[in-house]
Amino acid sequence: MIQYHVSYTNPLSHYLTIEIVVTENTQQELYLQLPAWRPGRYELQHFAQKIQQFAATADGQPLLAEKVLKDRWRIKTGGAASINISYTFYARQMDGGGSWLDETQLYLNPINCMMAVVGREHEPCQLILAIQKHWQLACGLKATDPHILLAKDYDELVDSPLIASASLKQTKYDVAGIPFYIWIQGDCQPDWEKIRHDFEDFTKEQLELFGDFPVTEYHYLNEILPYRFYHGVEHSNSTVITLGPGEQLMLPSLYKEFVGVSSHELFHTWNIKKIRPAEMHPYDYTKENYFRTGYVVEGLTTYYGDFILARSGFFTAEQYFEELNNTLQRYYADFGHQNLSLAESSFDLWLDGYKPGIPDRKVSIYVKGALTALLLDLQLRKATNNRANLDQVMVCLWQDFGKKGIGYTSEDYAQLVSEVAGSDFTPYFEQFIYGTAPIEQALDEALRYVGCTLQETANPLLHKRFFGFKTTTENQSIKVAGIAPGSPASTALSIDDELIAVNSRKLEQNLQALLTEDISLITLTLFRNKQLLTVLLQADKRTFYPKYTIAKRADATEAEKQNFKLWLKQEF
């Protein structure tokens, strides 16, 4: 068994001391490996940047220890049977995938700071926490003592975040005999009765979909913060959610986000923690695990996170459409969907998937992934006259791959979809997954099957509609933030141009007011690289940045209304 000890002396320094005790050593050279990334965020994060004072001893005597890679260390053991390794870790990152230490709590993601003993990752691990005796501990690992946790192997250890503090709040609900714990750290006033009711409803809906649950218990670890924040990360039997501001937790706008991210992360218990791409079966924490099925991992989960809330009754149909419409606006906010496919954008997560990147290069696997999942679900229902849908695809993935511990490939997924449909769905994948075909017509046709439509309306902001540029305000300066390719703005404006005046009128948050729908030519005064310039923009008959929304059709037939009910479990 490998022992990991965690302690600290001054919590305000945010430094943790990590000690690893390796017994029964038979190696002359022992290697310690720190993960370079964490599951749930597919980019290298280089946690070794936060490590210092690495040292090793045997029988109280120092051993030669040196770094051989950016996140790998080698220890010359001299044949010693028991080795002690120690180092410090800077725990001051408050988000769903970080770690944090202060005088009130220890929030720890072990994958940030727990090194693997190379070659012995399969052995059980013991995590011993030297924390305040009266602090409560929230974690998905089995506790053998109030502050001692046991993991079956290194993978389970680093996949089990924890929160320890004296101010943890907790409630619990049960579904199908499975306990679900909701932990809250932070200043807020939770309405536990409402929370339990809503969480129980979406949990029942997800369990009904899959038929069973991958784990015997589940923990929602919530860091409720005093400032605006939103982030969630999935784990095998838990999730960490960071959300704020705490005083608004039970207000409709933030509570909707709280329930939504919780539903999303619970769905990940099946989809990625068990139903996993072949390229990550098993995880290799030392380098990129490239895969092209991010649209399954995150796209389907994003779709189901809100879809489940409509099916469970938390969202009305109108509220659910609001969420879909927000997704549509994010999709059409730039033109990346014209340039890089969903599959290739999945692969490029490791390159720049979590950053805005250069203009119009890529798509979000969450956003387009959710829209293509909606499209696939409706196309399956239409092609089979409601005999099949995306639920059956998910169940097959669970039964054929997740439960068996087998990773799936892009080809496996595409073949499974066609098998469930009973017909060839290759065009769907060629156009919308591996290609960059426009989605509007196909989505509108699919929505019509359930009595709905995809509506296109002109952008109400005239500078976007007629001239094709977007703006943002930074320190009271109005700057160009986006430009539609081929628009009048594309040959006159540049990103980060600071706009000063329109038609010789000073801009003071009044850009819309200074434009009219019958205007075709404007003069813009601006700063570009500190140089004062004047440019002309000439509108033509084209418009840009249209708005797309999903809505019910007034002429929906009774059959389409029945299809709607089968889809959303709500009356039309």
Protein backbone atom coordinates (compact mmCIF):
# COMPACT_ATOMS: atom_id res chain seq x y z
CA MET A 1 0.00 0.00 0.00
CA ILE A 2 1.23 3.49 -0.89
CA GLN A 3 0.60 6.13 1.78
CA TYR A 4 -0.05 9.81 1.03
CA HIS A 5 0.10 12.25 3.95
CA VAL A 6 -1.26 15.80 3.59
CA SER A 7 -0.49 18.50 6.14
CA TYR A 8 0.21 22.22 6.42
CA THR A 9 1.59 24.74 8.88
CA ASN A 10 0.33 28.12 7.72
CA PRO A 11 -2.96 27.89 5.78
CA LEU A 12 -2.65 31.50 4.62
CA SER A 13 0.49 30.58 2.69
CA HIS A 14 -1.67 28.11 0.72
CA TYR A 15 1.19 25.60 0.77
CA LEU A 16 0.42 21.95 1.46
CA THR A 17 3.08 19.46 2.47
CA ILE A 18 2.71 16.14 0.68
CA GLU A 19 4.55 13.08 1.98
CA ILE A 20 4.55 9.75 0.17
CA VAL A 21 5.64 6.60 1.98
CA VAL A 22 6.70 3.76 -0.31
CA THR A 23 7.30 0.42 1.37
CA GLU A 24 8.47 -2.93 -0.02
CA ASN A 25 10.65 -1.18 -2.56
CA THR A 26 12.84 -3.42 -4.71
CA GLN A 27 14.00 -0.85 -7.25
CA GLN A 28 17.39 0.81 -7.39
CA GLU A 29 15.77 3.73 -9.20
CA LEU A 30 12.28 4.85 -8.19
CA TYR A 31 10.26 7.15 -10.45
CA LEU A 32 7.53 9.52 -9.32
CA GLN A 33 5.10 10.88 -11.94
CA LEU A 34 2.77 13.85 -11.49
CA PRO A 35 -0.18 14.10 -13.91
CA ALA A 36 0.16 16.68 -16.67
CA TRP A 37 -3.63 17.05 -17.09
CA ARG A 38 -6.86 16.01 -15.47
CA PRO A 39 -9.86 14.13 -16.88
CA GLY A 40 -12.72 16.50 -17.62
CA ARG A 41 -10.43 19.12 -19.14
CA TYR A 42 -8.58 17.92 -22.16
CA GLU A 43 -5.56 20.21 -22.19
CA LEU A 44 -2.13 20.00 -20.58
CA GLN A 45 -2.16 21.90 -17.29
CA HIS A 46 1.34 21.18 -16.01
CA PHE A 47 0.54 20.86 -12.31
CA ALA A 48 4.28 20.50 -11.65
CA GLN A 49 4.49 24.31 -11.83
CA LYS A 50 3.09 24.34 -8.28
CA ILE A 51 5.56 21.85 -6.79
CA GLN A 52 8.62 22.85 -4.76
CA GLN A 53 11.10 21.40 -2.25
CA PHE A 54 11.07 17.86 -3.63
CA ALA A 55 13.22 15.53 -1.51
CA ALA A 56 13.55 11.86 -0.61
CA THR A 57 14.99 9.97 2.38
CA ALA A 58 15.53 6.42 3.57
CA ASP A 59 16.17 5.63 7.23
CA GLY A 60 16.45 9.36 7.83
CA GLN A 61 19.24 9.79 5.29
CA PRO A 62 18.82 11.88 2.12
CA LEU A 63 18.67 10.13 -1.23
CA LEU A 64 19.73 11.52 -4.58
CA ALA A 65 16.56 12.85 -6.24
CA GLU A 66 16.38 14.75 -9.50
CA LYS A 67 13.79 15.84 -12.03
CA VAL A 68 14.18 13.98 -15.33
CA LEU A 69 11.11 15.35 -17.13
CA LYS A 70 8.93 18.38 -16.46
CA ASP A 71 6.72 16.29 -14.17
CA ARG A 72 8.77 13.15 -13.44
CA TRP A 73 11.38 12.64 -10.72
CA ARG A 74 13.97 9.88 -10.24
CA ILE A 75 15.21 8.70 -6.86
CA LYS A 76 18.36 6.65 -6.39
CA THR A 77 17.17 4.35 -3.61
CA GLY A 78 20.39 2.49 -2.83
CA GLY A 79 18.20 -0.58 -2.44
CA ALA A 80 16.33 0.80 0.59
CA ALA A 81 13.08 -1.04 1.27
CA SER A 82 11.21 2.02 2.60
CA ILE A 83 11.36 5.44 0.93
CA ASN A 84 9.90 8.74 2.15
CA ILE A 85 9.24 11.43 -0.47
CA SER A 86 8.18 14.95 0.45
CA TYR A 87 7.38 18.16 -1.41
CA THR A 88 5.13 21.20 -1.09
CA PHE A 89 2.21 22.13 -3.34
CA TYR A 90 0.66 25.57 -3.78
CA ALA A 91 -3.11 25.15 -3.35
CA ARG A 92 -4.70 28.39 -4.44
CA GLN A 93 -6.89 27.68 -7.46
CA MET A 94 -10.61 27.93 -6.77
CA ASP A 95 -12.45 26.26 -9.61
CA GLY A 96 -13.94 22.84 -10.27
CA GLY A 97 -10.59 21.30 -11.10
CA GLY A 98 -8.25 23.07 -8.69
CA SER A 99 -7.22 22.91 -5.04
CA TRP A 100 -7.51 25.50 -2.28
CA LEU A 101 -6.20 25.88 1.26
CA ASP A 102 -7.03 28.66 3.70
CA GLU A 103 -7.90 28.99 7.38
CA THR A 104 -11.50 27.84 6.77
CA GLN A 105 -11.13 24.78 4.55
CA LEU A 106 -9.05 22.36 2.55
CA TYR A 107 -10.42 21.70 -0.92
CA LEU A 108 -8.25 19.16 -2.72
CA ASN A 109 -8.20 17.59 -6.15
CA PRO A 110 -5.58 14.86 -5.64
CA ILE A 111 -4.77 14.77 -9.35
CA ASN A 112 -3.22 18.23 -8.97
CA CYS A 113 -0.60 17.12 -6.47
CA MET A 114 -0.47 13.36 -5.81
CA MET A 115 2.44 11.70 -7.64
CA ALA A 116 2.16 8.13 -8.87
CA VAL A 117 4.84 5.64 -7.95
CA VAL A 118 5.60 4.40 -11.45
CA GLY A 119 4.89 0.69 -11.83
CA ARG A 120 2.81 0.52 -8.67
CA GLU A 121 -0.27 2.47 -9.74
CA HIS A 122 -2.44 -0.65 -9.31
CA GLU A 123 -1.78 -0.89 -5.55
CA PRO A 124 -4.18 0.41 -2.86
CA CYS A 125 -3.52 3.93 -1.60
CA GLN A 126 -4.13 5.46 1.81
CA LEU A 127 -4.72 9.20 2.13
CA ILE A 128 -4.05 10.60 5.60
CA LEU A 129 -5.15 14.19 6.28
CA ALA A 130 -3.59 16.19 9.12
CA ILE A 131 -6.41 18.70 9.47
CA GLN A 132 -8.46 20.22 12.29
CA LYS A 133 -10.02 17.44 14.36
CA HIS A 134 -13.48 19.03 14.29
CA TRP A 135 -13.51 19.47 10.51
CA GLN A 136 -16.01 17.41 8.56
CA LEU A 137 -14.88 15.61 5.42
CA ALA A 138 -16.80 15.27 2.14
CA CYS A 139 -15.38 12.78 -0.35
CA GLY A 140 -16.39 9.78 -2.44
CA LEU A 141 -13.59 7.61 -1.03
CA LYS A 142 -14.17 5.10 1.75
CA ALA A 143 -13.15 6.47 5.16
CA THR A 144 -11.39 4.08 7.54
CA ASP A 145 -11.05 6.87 10.14
CA PRO A 146 -12.60 10.36 10.24
CA HIS A 147 -9.60 11.78 8.36
CA ILE A 148 -8.14 8.68 6.69
CA LEU A 149 -9.35 7.60 3.25
CA LEU A 150 -8.71 4.44 1.26
CA ALA A 151 -8.52 4.12 -2.53
CA LYS A 152 -8.31 0.82 -4.38
CA ASP A 153 -5.59 2.20 -6.68
CA TYR A 154 -3.96 5.38 -7.92
CA ASP A 155 -6.71 6.05 -10.49
CA GLU A 156 -9.37 6.06 -7.79
CA LEU A 157 -7.24 8.25 -5.54
CA VAL A 158 -6.76 11.01 -8.10
CA ASP A 159 -10.40 10.80 -9.23
CA SER A 160 -11.71 11.57 -5.74
CA PRO A 161 -11.77 15.26 -4.76
CA LEU A 162 -12.51 16.26 -1.19
CA ILE A 163 -13.62 19.22 0.90
CA ALA A 164 -12.77 19.42 4.60
CA SER A 165 -14.02 22.23 6.85
CA ALA A 166 -15.97 23.04 9.98
CA SER A 167 -18.77 24.72 8.01
CA LEU A 168 -19.85 22.05 5.53
CA LYS A 169 -23.60 21.74 5.03
CA GLN A 170 -25.08 18.49 3.83
CA THR A 171 -28.32 16.82 2.85
CA LYS A 172 -29.15 13.49 1.24
CA TYR A 173 -31.73 11.84 -0.95
CA ASP A 174 -32.15 8.27 -2.20
CA VAL A 175 -33.14 6.95 -5.59
CA ALA A 176 -33.47 3.20 -6.26
CA GLY A 177 -31.72 2.53 -2.96
CA ILE A 178 -28.69 4.61 -3.94
CA PRO A 179 -27.69 7.48 -1.60
CA PHE A 180 -26.91 10.87 -3.16
CA TYR A 181 -25.19 13.40 -0.89
CA ILE A 182 -25.29 17.13 -1.54
CA TRP A 183 -22.48 19.00 0.22
CA ILE A 184 -22.21 22.78 0.32
CA GLN A 185 -19.20 24.79 1.42
CA GLY A 186 -19.73 28.52 1.43
CA ASP A 187 -21.99 31.30 2.60
CA CYS A 188 -25.54 30.70 1.34
CA GLN A 189 -29.01 29.76 2.52
CA PRO A 190 -30.01 26.58 0.69
CA ASP A 191 -33.66 25.58 0.53
CA TRP A 192 -32.93 21.93 1.20
CA GLU A 193 -36.49 20.73 0.60
CA LYS A 194 -36.62 22.30 -2.86
CA ILE A 195 -33.11 21.14 -3.73
CA ARG A 196 -33.81 17.55 -2.69
CA HIS A 197 -37.06 17.51 -4.68
CA ASP A 198 -35.53 18.83 -7.89
CA PHE A 199 -32.36 16.74 -7.67
CA GLU A 200 -34.36 13.61 -6.97
CA ASP A 201 -36.53 14.24 -10.04
CA PHE A 202 -33.69 14.60 -12.53
CA THR A 203 -31.82 11.70 -10.92
CA LYS A 204 -34.85 9.43 -11.35
CA GLU A 205 -35.11 10.47 -15.00
CA GLN A 206 -31.46 9.63 -15.68
CA LEU A 207 -31.65 6.30 -13.87
CA GLU A 208 -34.81 5.45 -15.81
CA LEU A 209 -32.96 6.15 -19.05
CA PHE A 210 -29.95 3.91 -18.34
CA GLY A 211 -31.64 1.32 -16.11
CA ASP A 212 -28.92 1.24 -13.44
CA PHE A 213 -26.16 3.36 -11.89
CA PRO A 214 -22.41 2.77 -12.22
CA VAL A 215 -21.57 3.41 -8.53
CA THR A 216 -23.05 2.62 -5.13
CA GLU A 217 -23.19 6.21 -3.85
CA TYR A 218 -22.72 9.72 -5.23
CA HIS A 219 -21.50 13.04 -3.84
CA TYR A 220 -22.15 16.57 -5.11
CA LEU A 221 -19.30 18.69 -3.71
CA ASN A 222 -20.34 22.34 -4.04
CA GLU A 223 -18.08 25.33 -3.45
CA ILE A 224 -20.55 28.21 -3.27
CA LEU A 225 -18.54 31.39 -3.74
CA PRO A 226 -19.18 35.06 -2.83
CA TYR A 227 -18.62 36.17 -6.44
CA ARG A 228 -20.01 35.23 -9.83
CA PHE A 229 -18.63 31.89 -11.01
CA TYR A 230 -19.72 28.75 -12.85
CA HIS A 231 -17.75 25.53 -13.29
CA GLY A 232 -18.27 21.83 -12.82
CA VAL A 233 -16.04 18.75 -13.13
CA GLU A 234 -17.11 15.12 -13.21
CA HIS A 235 -15.61 12.22 -11.26
CA SER A 236 -16.45 8.53 -10.92
CA ASN A 237 -18.80 8.91 -7.94
CA SER A 238 -18.76 12.65 -7.34
CA THR A 239 -18.61 16.07 -8.91
CA VAL A 240 -17.11 19.39 -7.86
CA ILE A 241 -19.21 22.44 -8.70
CA THR A 242 -18.02 25.99 -8.11
CA LEU A 243 -20.84 28.52 -8.32
CA GLY A 244 -21.67 32.00 -7.13
CA PRO A 245 -22.58 34.46 -5.79
CA GLY A 246 -23.86 32.53 -2.79
CA GLU A 247 -26.52 35.02 -1.73
CA GLN A 248 -28.27 34.42 -5.07
CA LEU A 249 -28.20 30.62 -4.94
CA MET A 250 -31.96 30.19 -4.56
CA LEU A 251 -32.90 33.00 -6.95
CA PRO A 252 -34.32 31.61 -10.21
CA SER A 253 -31.45 32.67 -12.48
CA LEU A 254 -28.65 31.11 -10.41
CA TYR A 255 -30.68 28.20 -9.07
CA LYS A 256 -31.38 27.18 -12.68
CA GLU A 257 -27.61 27.07 -13.26
CA PHE A 258 -27.10 25.10 -10.03
CA VAL A 259 -29.58 22.42 -11.03
CA GLY A 260 -28.44 22.46 -14.66
CA VAL A 261 -24.75 21.89 -13.99
CA SER A 262 -25.62 19.20 -11.43
CA SER A 263 -27.73 17.33 -13.99
CA HIS A 264 -24.93 17.65 -16.55
CA GLU A 265 -22.28 16.32 -14.19
CA LEU A 266 -24.45 13.43 -13.01
CA PHE A 267 -24.92 12.33 -16.63
CA HIS A 268 -21.13 12.18 -16.93
CA THR A 269 -21.17 9.34 -14.36
CA TRP A 270 -22.17 7.18 -17.29
CA ASN A 271 -20.94 9.22 -20.25
CA ILE A 272 -17.12 9.48 -19.94
CA LYS A 273 -16.47 8.03 -16.49
CA LYS A 274 -17.68 4.65 -17.75
CA ILE A 275 -18.66 5.09 -21.42
CA ARG A 276 -15.21 6.20 -22.51
CA PRO A 277 -13.44 6.74 -25.84
CA ALA A 278 -10.96 4.00 -26.69
CA GLU A 279 -8.15 6.57 -26.77
CA MET A 280 -8.63 7.15 -23.02
CA HIS A 281 -9.10 3.58 -21.92
CA PRO A 282 -7.12 3.74 -19.71
CA TYR A 283 -6.18 7.35 -19.07
CA ASP A 284 -2.56 8.26 -19.69
CA TYR A 285 -1.90 11.20 -17.37
CA THR A 286 1.57 11.91 -18.78
CA LYS A 287 0.56 13.31 -22.18
CA GLU A 288 -2.29 14.26 -24.48
CA ASN A 289 -4.94 11.58 -25.03
CA TYR A 290 -6.13 12.71 -28.47
CA PHE A 291 -9.68 11.73 -29.42
CA ARG A 292 -12.28 12.84 -31.96
CA THR A 293 -15.44 11.93 -30.04
CA GLY A 294 -15.69 15.00 -27.83
CA TYR A 295 -19.11 15.56 -29.41
CA VAL A 296 -20.21 12.35 -27.63
CA VAL A 297 -18.40 13.05 -24.36
CA GLU A 298 -19.46 16.67 -23.93
CA GLY A 299 -21.97 17.37 -26.71
CA LEU A 300 -24.41 14.62 -25.77
CA THR A 301 -23.96 15.39 -22.08
CA THR A 302 -24.69 19.08 -22.67
CA TYR A 303 -27.83 18.14 -24.61
CA TYR A 304 -29.03 15.68 -21.99
CA GLY A 305 -28.22 17.92 -19.03
CA ASP A 306 -31.06 20.31 -19.94
CA PHE A 307 -33.18 17.80 -21.88
CA ILE A 308 -33.47 15.69 -18.71
CA LEU A 309 -34.64 18.77 -16.78
CA ALA A 310 -37.46 19.26 -19.28
CA ARG A 311 -38.40 15.58 -19.12
CA SER A 312 -38.41 15.65 -15.32
CA GLY A 313 -40.62 18.75 -15.24
CA PHE A 314 -38.05 21.17 -13.81
CA PHE A 315 -38.17 23.16 -17.06
CA THR A 316 -41.37 24.01 -18.86
CA ALA A 317 -41.14 23.62 -22.62
CA GLU A 318 -40.75 27.39 -22.93
CA GLN A 319 -37.92 27.44 -20.39
CA TYR A 320 -36.21 24.56 -22.16
CA PHE A 321 -36.46 26.41 -25.46
CA GLU A 322 -34.80 29.40 -23.80
CA GLU A 323 -31.82 27.18 -23.01
CA LEU A 324 -31.73 25.83 -26.57
CA ASN A 325 -31.96 29.36 -27.94
CA ASN A 326 -29.01 30.44 -25.79
CA THR A 327 -27.06 27.53 -27.25
CA LEU A 328 -28.01 28.63 -30.77
CA GLN A 329 -26.80 32.18 -30.10
CA ARG A 330 -23.47 30.85 -28.89
CA TYR A 331 -23.18 28.70 -32.00
CA TYR A 332 -23.77 31.63 -34.34
CA ALA A 333 -21.64 34.09 -32.38
CA ASP A 334 -18.76 33.45 -34.77
CA PHE A 335 -18.04 31.52 -37.96
CA GLY A 336 -15.90 28.67 -36.67
CA HIS A 337 -18.61 26.19 -37.72
CA GLN A 338 -17.73 27.02 -41.35
CA ASN A 339 -14.06 26.14 -40.94
CA LEU A 340 -13.41 23.21 -38.58
CA SER A 341 -15.53 20.12 -38.11
CA LEU A 342 -16.86 18.95 -34.79
CA ALA A 343 -14.62 15.87 -34.85
CA GLU A 344 -11.50 17.92 -35.59
CA SER A 345 -12.47 20.49 -32.96
CA SER A 346 -12.64 17.57 -30.52
CA PHE A 347 -9.10 16.58 -31.46
CA ASP A 348 -7.93 20.18 -31.08
CA LEU A 349 -9.21 20.49 -27.53
CA TRP A 350 -5.62 19.72 -26.58
CA LEU A 351 -4.44 22.67 -28.63
CA ASP A 352 -6.77 25.56 -27.84
CA GLY A 353 -10.21 24.12 -27.12
CA TYR A 354 -10.71 26.05 -23.89
CA LYS A 355 -9.55 29.44 -25.19
CA PRO A 356 -11.28 31.82 -27.59
CA GLY A 357 -8.45 31.30 -30.05
CA ILE A 358 -8.07 33.12 -33.34
CA PRO A 359 -11.28 34.34 -34.98
CA ASP A 360 -13.58 31.79 -36.61
CA ARG A 361 -11.15 28.82 -36.41
CA LYS A 362 -13.07 26.17 -34.48
CA VAL A 363 -16.39 25.20 -32.91
CA SER A 364 -17.28 24.36 -29.32
CA ILE A 365 -17.80 20.64 -28.78
CA TYR A 366 -20.27 21.59 -26.04
CA VAL A 367 -22.34 23.94 -28.20
CA LYS A 368 -22.32 22.31 -31.63
CA GLY A 369 -22.16 18.94 -29.90
CA ALA A 370 -25.44 19.69 -28.12
CA LEU A 371 -27.13 20.94 -31.31
CA THR A 372 -26.04 17.91 -33.33
CA ALA A 373 -27.26 15.67 -30.50
CA LEU A 374 -30.66 17.39 -30.65
CA LEU A 375 -30.67 16.93 -34.41
CA LEU A 376 -29.73 13.25 -34.13
CA ASP A 377 -32.38 12.57 -31.49
CA LEU A 378 -35.14 14.10 -33.64
CA GLN A 379 -33.89 12.48 -36.85
CA LEU A 380 -33.90 9.07 -35.16
CA ARG A 381 -37.46 9.61 -33.95
CA LYS A 382 -38.58 10.70 -37.40
CA ALA A 383 -36.76 7.92 -39.28
CA THR A 384 -38.28 5.20 -37.06
CA ASN A 385 -41.70 6.73 -36.38
CA ASN A 386 -40.71 7.05 -32.70
CA ARG A 387 -39.54 3.47 -32.36
CA ALA A 388 -35.97 4.65 -31.71
CA ASN A 389 -34.27 7.73 -30.31
CA LEU A 390 -31.00 8.91 -28.78
CA ASP A 391 -31.86 7.26 -25.45
CA GLN A 392 -31.43 3.87 -27.06
CA VAL A 393 -28.05 4.86 -28.43
CA MET A 394 -26.93 5.87 -24.93
CA VAL A 395 -28.23 2.64 -23.42
CA CYS A 396 -26.37 0.60 -26.06
CA LEU A 397 -23.17 2.53 -25.36
CA TRP A 398 -23.63 1.77 -21.66
CA GLN A 399 -24.43 -1.91 -22.12
CA ASP A 400 -21.96 -2.71 -24.90
CA PHE A 401 -19.01 -0.54 -23.84
CA GLY A 402 -19.35 1.20 -20.45
CA LYS A 403 -20.45 -1.79 -18.42
CA LYS A 404 -17.90 -4.04 -20.07
CA GLY A 405 -15.01 -1.63 -19.56
CA ILE A 406 -14.42 -1.37 -23.31
CA GLY A 407 -13.55 1.89 -25.03
CA TYR A 408 -15.53 2.92 -28.11
CA THR A 409 -14.24 4.45 -31.34
CA SER A 410 -15.77 6.98 -33.73
CA GLU A 411 -16.62 4.07 -36.01
CA ASP A 412 -18.28 2.16 -33.16
CA TYR A 413 -20.50 5.13 -32.38
CA ALA A 414 -21.51 5.76 -36.00
CA GLN A 415 -22.27 2.08 -36.53
CA LEU A 416 -24.33 1.95 -33.34
CA VAL A 417 -26.44 4.92 -34.46
CA SER A 418 -27.22 3.22 -37.79
CA GLU A 419 -28.08 -0.03 -36.00
CA VAL A 420 -30.49 1.74 -33.66
CA ALA A 421 -32.03 3.62 -36.61
CA GLY A 422 -32.32 0.52 -38.76
CA SER A 423 -31.01 2.63 -41.65
CA ASP A 424 -27.80 4.26 -42.82
CA PHE A 425 -27.02 7.48 -40.93
CA THR A 426 -23.72 8.07 -42.72
CA PRO A 427 -24.93 11.39 -44.22
CA TYR A 428 -25.52 12.80 -40.72
CA PHE A 429 -21.91 12.06 -39.73
CA GLU A 430 -20.39 13.18 -43.02
CA GLN A 431 -22.22 16.50 -42.99
CA PHE A 432 -22.43 17.53 -39.34
CA ILE A 433 -19.74 15.59 -37.43
CA TYR A 434 -16.87 15.17 -39.91
CA GLY A 435 -17.93 18.03 -42.17
CA THR A 436 -18.91 21.68 -41.87
CA ALA A 437 -22.28 21.63 -43.63
CA PRO A 438 -24.82 24.25 -42.46
CA ILE A 439 -27.14 22.81 -39.85
CA GLU A 440 -30.15 25.15 -40.21
CA GLN A 441 -32.23 23.33 -42.83
CA ALA A 442 -31.72 19.88 -41.31
CA LEU A 443 -32.53 21.15 -37.82
CA ASP A 444 -35.67 22.91 -38.99
CA GLU A 445 -36.88 19.76 -40.78
CA ALA A 446 -36.20 17.66 -37.68
CA LEU A 447 -37.98 20.14 -35.39
CA ARG A 448 -41.04 20.08 -37.61
CA TYR A 449 -41.52 16.44 -36.69
CA VAL A 450 -42.32 17.59 -33.14
CA GLY A 451 -44.41 20.59 -34.20
CA CYS A 452 -41.64 23.15 -33.90
CA THR A 453 -39.48 25.23 -36.21
CA LEU A 454 -36.14 27.00 -36.37
CA GLN A 455 -36.87 30.68 -36.89
CA GLU A 456 -34.41 33.17 -38.34
CA THR A 457 -34.78 36.86 -37.51
CA ALA A 458 -32.61 39.87 -38.24
CA ASN A 459 -30.18 40.96 -35.56
CA PRO A 460 -31.70 43.93 -33.72
CA LEU A 461 -28.27 45.59 -33.37
CA LEU A 462 -27.88 47.54 -36.57
CA HIS A 463 -24.08 47.57 -36.67
CA LYS A 464 -24.13 43.78 -36.57
CA ARG A 465 -26.98 43.39 -39.03
CA PHE A 466 -25.91 45.76 -41.81
CA PHE A 467 -22.17 46.17 -41.39
CA GLY A 468 -21.13 42.86 -39.82
CA PHE A 469 -19.12 43.81 -36.76
CA LYS A 470 -19.48 43.20 -33.04
CA THR A 471 -18.26 45.41 -30.21
CA THR A 472 -17.24 45.10 -26.60
CA THR A 473 -16.67 47.73 -23.92
CA GLU A 474 -13.35 47.79 -22.08
CA ASN A 475 -12.65 50.55 -19.53
CA GLN A 476 -15.34 52.70 -21.15
CA SER A 477 -13.75 52.22 -24.59
CA ILE A 478 -15.80 50.63 -27.37
CA LYS A 479 -13.71 48.11 -29.30
CA VAL A 480 -14.32 45.86 -32.28
CA ALA A 481 -14.67 42.30 -30.98
CA GLY A 482 -15.72 40.35 -34.06
CA ILE A 483 -16.08 40.77 -37.81
CA ALA A 484 -18.24 38.71 -40.16
CA PRO A 485 -16.19 37.34 -43.07
CA GLY A 486 -17.08 39.08 -46.32
CA SER A 487 -19.05 41.83 -44.59
CA PRO A 488 -18.59 45.58 -45.21
CA ALA A 489 -16.65 45.68 -41.92
CA SER A 490 -14.21 43.00 -43.07
CA THR A 491 -12.34 45.35 -45.42
CA ALA A 492 -12.44 48.42 -43.19
CA LEU A 493 -12.14 47.32 -39.57
CA SER A 494 -9.71 45.25 -37.52
CA ILE A 495 -10.09 43.43 -34.21
CA ASP A 496 -9.48 45.78 -31.25
CA ASP A 497 -10.09 48.97 -33.23
CA GLU A 498 -11.22 51.54 -30.66
CA LEU A 499 -14.31 53.31 -32.00
CA ILE A 500 -14.51 57.04 -31.24
CA ALA A 501 -17.32 58.49 -33.35
CA VAL A 502 -20.01 57.67 -35.91
CA ASN A 503 -20.69 60.30 -38.54
CA SER A 504 -18.70 62.77 -36.42
CA ARG A 505 -20.84 62.07 -33.33
CA LYS A 506 -18.94 60.91 -30.24
CA LEU A 507 -19.69 57.36 -29.14
CA GLU A 508 -20.97 57.21 -25.56
CA GLN A 509 -22.72 53.83 -25.38
CA ASN A 510 -25.02 55.21 -28.09
CA LEU A 511 -23.93 53.28 -31.19
CA GLN A 512 -27.40 51.81 -31.77
CA ALA A 513 -29.06 55.18 -31.28
CA LEU A 514 -26.82 56.82 -33.88
CA LEU A 515 -27.80 54.30 -36.55
CA THR A 516 -31.10 53.94 -38.40
CA GLU A 517 -32.49 51.12 -40.49
CA ASP A 518 -32.40 53.19 -43.66
CA ILE A 519 -28.74 54.14 -43.30
CA SER A 520 -26.41 52.61 -45.91
CA LEU A 521 -23.18 54.56 -45.43
CA ILE A 522 -21.45 55.51 -42.19
CA THR A 523 -18.19 57.17 -41.28
CA LEU A 524 -16.34 55.65 -38.33
CA THR A 525 -13.59 57.48 -36.48
CA LEU A 526 -11.31 55.15 -34.57
CA PHE A 527 -7.93 54.49 -33.03
CA ARG A 528 -5.90 51.60 -34.49
CA ASN A 529 -2.55 50.94 -32.85
CA LYS A 530 -2.75 54.46 -31.33
CA GLN A 531 -3.24 56.02 -34.77
CA LEU A 532 -6.36 58.09 -35.47
CA LEU A 533 -8.19 56.92 -38.59
CA THR A 534 -11.46 57.50 -40.41
CA VAL A 535 -13.07 54.70 -42.43
CA LEU A 536 -16.24 54.34 -44.48
CA LEU A 537 -18.65 51.42 -44.21
CA GLN A 538 -21.08 50.87 -47.10
CA ALA A 539 -24.01 48.54 -46.42
CA ASP A 540 -25.53 46.41 -49.18
CA LYS A 541 -28.58 44.18 -49.31
CA ARG A 542 -26.96 41.46 -47.22
CA THR A 543 -27.40 41.08 -43.46
CA PHE A 544 -25.15 39.43 -40.88
CA TYR A 545 -25.29 37.79 -37.44
CA PRO A 546 -28.92 36.62 -37.69
CA LYS A 547 -30.77 35.37 -34.62
CA TYR A 548 -32.03 31.79 -34.54
CA THR A 549 -34.69 30.57 -32.14
CA ILE A 550 -36.70 27.37 -31.68
CA ALA A 551 -40.44 27.82 -31.25
CA LYS A 552 -43.67 25.86 -31.49
CA ARG A 553 -45.54 26.11 -34.79
CA ALA A 554 -49.08 27.43 -34.74
CA ASP A 555 -50.00 24.99 -37.52
CA ALA A 556 -48.65 21.86 -35.78
CA THR A 557 -50.74 18.78 -36.48
CA GLU A 558 -52.13 16.48 -33.81
CA ALA A 559 -49.58 13.83 -34.83
CA GLU A 560 -46.75 16.32 -34.42
CA LYS A 561 -48.08 17.35 -31.02
CA GLN A 562 -48.06 13.71 -29.98
CA ASN A 563 -44.46 13.41 -31.23
CA PHE A 564 -43.63 16.46 -29.12
CA LYS A 565 -45.07 14.77 -26.03
CA LEU A 566 -43.09 11.58 -26.67
CA TRP A 567 -39.94 13.68 -27.04
CA LEU A 568 -40.25 16.10 -24.12
CA LYS A 569 -42.74 14.27 -21.85
CA GLN A 570 -44.85 17.44 -21.84
CA GLU A 571 -48.06 18.46 -23.52
CA PHE A 572 -47.62 20.58 -26.62
